[in-house]
């Protein structure tokens, strides 16, 4: 799965342990939830970590929601759930892999 390379301009906050934002393992990097965006460190600046395209995620009959055991993170106009190094977002009758 690829993501777009969209630099988050004028981001002076340094994310890291104890910065106050949720850290989510996302494949080979860590995303930080900040003001409805997901940021990742990239070569000395911060990028928005957004999916490129529509990538449905197939998983067992697990339904994400309150009390499901996975971290819920506000992401724009929806909620992502951190699950096994992926972020899942409800989309119609399935989940998308963010």
C-alpha atoms as a PDB file:
ATOM      1  CA  UNK A   1       0.000   0.000   0.000  1.00  0.00           C
ATOM      2  CA  UNK A   2       1.374   3.405  -0.864  1.00  0.00           C
ATOM      3  CA  UNK A   3       0.687   6.804   0.586  1.00  0.00           C
ATOM      4  CA  UNK A   4       0.827  10.221  -0.965  1.00  0.00           C
ATOM      5  CA  UNK A   5       3.831  12.450  -0.240  1.00  0.00           C
ATOM      6  CA  UNK A   6       2.165  15.586   1.049  1.00  0.00           C
ATOM      7  CA  UNK A   7       4.436  17.623   3.268  1.00  0.00           C
ATOM      8  CA  UNK A   8       2.746  19.165   6.303  1.00  0.00           C
ATOM      9  CA  UNK A   9       4.026  22.755   6.105  1.00  0.00           C
ATOM     10  CA  UNK A  10       4.974  24.920   9.071  1.00  0.00           C
ATOM     11  CA  UNK A  11       4.820  22.041  11.517  1.00  0.00           C
ATOM     12  CA  UNK A  12       7.015  23.172  14.389  1.00  0.00           C
ATOM     13  CA  UNK A  13       5.847  20.573  16.931  1.00  0.00           C
ATOM     14  CA  UNK A  14       8.230  17.639  17.304  1.00  0.00           C
ATOM     15  CA  UNK A  15       6.386  14.347  17.745  1.00  0.00           C
ATOM     16  CA  UNK A  16       7.843  11.625  19.907  1.00  0.00           C
ATOM     17  CA  UNK A  17       7.414   9.764  23.163  1.00  0.00           C
ATOM     18  CA  UNK A  18       5.494  11.945  25.609  1.00  0.00           C
ATOM     19  CA  UNK A  19       4.505  14.620  23.049  1.00  0.00           C
ATOM     20  CA  UNK A  20       0.826  14.246  23.932  1.00  0.00           C
ATOM     21  CA  UNK A  21      -0.376  12.779  20.619  1.00  0.00           C
ATOM     22  CA  UNK A  22      -1.375   9.177  19.963  1.00  0.00           C
ATOM     23  CA  UNK A  23       1.430   7.188  18.309  1.00  0.00           C
ATOM     24  CA  UNK A  24       0.241   4.495  15.908  1.00  0.00           C
ATOM     25  CA  UNK A  25       2.517   1.887  14.349  1.00  0.00           C
ATOM     26  CA  UNK A  26       1.719   1.998  10.611  1.00  0.00           C
ATOM     27  CA  UNK A  27       3.670  -0.532   8.580  1.00  0.00           C
ATOM     28  CA  UNK A  28       7.342   0.519   8.695  1.00  0.00           C
ATOM     29  CA  UNK A  29       6.827   3.881  10.449  1.00  0.00           C
ATOM     30  CA  UNK A  30       4.896   5.590  13.248  1.00  0.00           C
ATOM     31  CA  UNK A  31       2.037   8.018  12.626  1.00  0.00           C
ATOM     32  CA  UNK A  32       1.082  10.682  15.151  1.00  0.00           C
ATOM     33  CA  UNK A  33      -2.546  11.801  15.418  1.00  0.00           C
ATOM     34  CA  UNK A  34      -2.630  15.598  15.567  1.00  0.00           C
ATOM     35  CA  UNK A  35      -5.655  17.853  14.939  1.00  0.00           C
ATOM     36  CA  UNK A  36      -7.472  15.258  12.809  1.00  0.00           C
ATOM     37  CA  UNK A  37      -4.378  14.562  10.696  1.00  0.00           C
ATOM     38  CA  UNK A  38      -1.882  11.734  10.786  1.00  0.00           C
ATOM     39  CA  UNK A  39       1.740  12.879  10.565  1.00  0.00           C
ATOM     40  CA  UNK A  40       4.901  10.882   9.936  1.00  0.00           C
ATOM     41  CA  UNK A  41       8.558  11.858  10.086  1.00  0.00           C
ATOM     42  CA  UNK A  42      10.148  11.989   6.624  1.00  0.00           C
ATOM     43  CA  UNK A  43      13.699  13.183   5.912  1.00  0.00           C
ATOM     44  CA  UNK A  44      13.678  16.057   8.398  1.00  0.00           C
ATOM     45  CA  UNK A  45      10.087  17.229   7.877  1.00  0.00           C
ATOM     46  CA  UNK A  46       6.577  15.951   8.622  1.00  0.00           C
ATOM     47  CA  UNK A  47       4.294  14.439   5.984  1.00  0.00           C
ATOM     48  CA  UNK A  48       0.570  13.857   6.055  1.00  0.00           C
ATOM     49  CA  UNK A  49       0.205  10.083   6.015  1.00  0.00           C
ATOM     50  CA  UNK A  50      -2.741   9.623   3.702  1.00  0.00           C
ATOM     51  CA  UNK A  51      -3.654   6.593   1.609  1.00  0.00           C
ATOM     52  CA  UNK A  52      -3.196   6.717  -2.140  1.00  0.00           C
ATOM     53  CA  UNK A  53      -6.322   5.175  -3.600  1.00  0.00           C
ATOM     54  CA  UNK A  54      -9.009   2.882  -2.258  1.00  0.00           C
ATOM     55  CA  UNK A  55      -7.599  -0.204  -0.541  1.00  0.00           C
ATOM     56  CA  UNK A  56     -10.249  -2.479   0.993  1.00  0.00           C
ATOM     57  CA  UNK A  57      -9.026  -4.507   3.959  1.00  0.00           C
ATOM     58  CA  UNK A  58     -10.227  -8.045   4.434  1.00  0.00           C
ATOM     59  CA  UNK A  59     -10.318  -9.310   7.989  1.00  0.00           C
ATOM     60  CA  UNK A  60     -12.384 -11.737  10.001  1.00  0.00           C
ATOM     61  CA  UNK A  61     -15.796 -10.821  11.305  1.00  0.00           C
ATOM     62  CA  UNK A  62     -14.335  -8.263  13.704  1.00  0.00           C
ATOM     63  CA  UNK A  63     -16.367  -5.061  13.948  1.00  0.00           C
ATOM     64  CA  UNK A  64     -14.521  -1.959  15.119  1.00  0.00           C
ATOM     65  CA  UNK A  65     -16.257   0.344  17.563  1.00  0.00           C
ATOM     66  CA  UNK A  66     -16.354   1.415  21.184  1.00  0.00           C
ATOM     67  CA  UNK A  67     -14.861  -1.304  23.358  1.00  0.00           C
ATOM     68  CA  UNK A  68     -13.444  -3.380  20.462  1.00  0.00           C
ATOM     69  CA  UNK A  69      -9.940  -3.251  21.950  1.00  0.00           C
ATOM     70  CA  UNK A  70      -8.271  -1.177  19.213  1.00  0.00           C
ATOM     71  CA  UNK A  71      -7.152   2.440  19.484  1.00  0.00           C
ATOM     72  CA  UNK A  72      -9.664   4.831  17.887  1.00  0.00           C
ATOM     73  CA  UNK A  73      -8.123   7.903  16.235  1.00  0.00           C
ATOM     74  CA  UNK A  74     -10.060  10.822  14.757  1.00  0.00           C
ATOM     75  CA  UNK A  75      -8.907  11.254  11.145  1.00  0.00           C
ATOM     76  CA  UNK A  76     -10.609  14.107   9.341  1.00  0.00           C
ATOM     77  CA  UNK A  77     -14.320  13.301   9.056  1.00  0.00           C
ATOM     78  CA  UNK A  78     -14.072   9.684  10.253  1.00  0.00           C
ATOM     79  CA  UNK A  79     -12.426   7.441  12.839  1.00  0.00           C
ATOM     80  CA  UNK A  80      -9.550   5.082  12.079  1.00  0.00           C
ATOM     81  CA  UNK A  81      -8.858   2.041  14.240  1.00  0.00           C
ATOM     82  CA  UNK A  82      -5.240   0.971  14.766  1.00  0.00           C
ATOM     83  CA  UNK A  83      -5.033  -2.776  14.212  1.00  0.00           C
ATOM     84  CA  UNK A  84      -1.894  -4.884  13.588  1.00  0.00           C
ATOM     85  CA  UNK A  85       0.194  -2.071  12.058  1.00  0.00           C
ATOM     86  CA  UNK A  86      -2.670  -0.808   9.891  1.00  0.00           C
ATOM     87  CA  UNK A  87      -5.338   1.835  10.250  1.00  0.00           C
ATOM     88  CA  UNK A  88      -8.840   0.685   9.376  1.00  0.00           C
ATOM     89  CA  UNK A  89     -11.708   3.005   8.457  1.00  0.00           C
ATOM     90  CA  UNK A  90     -15.319   1.929   7.908  1.00  0.00           C
ATOM     91  CA  UNK A  91     -16.394   2.341   4.290  1.00  0.00           C
ATOM     92  CA  UNK A  92     -19.806   1.026   3.280  1.00  0.00           C
ATOM     93  CA  UNK A  93     -19.963  -2.673   4.110  1.00  0.00           C
ATOM     94  CA  UNK A  94     -16.177  -3.105   4.564  1.00  0.00           C
ATOM     95  CA  UNK A  95     -13.108  -1.467   6.077  1.00  0.00           C
ATOM     96  CA  UNK A  96     -10.448   0.385   4.111  1.00  0.00           C
ATOM     97  CA  UNK A  97      -6.793  -0.061   4.908  1.00  0.00           C
ATOM     98  CA  UNK A  98      -5.317   3.333   5.615  1.00  0.00           C
END
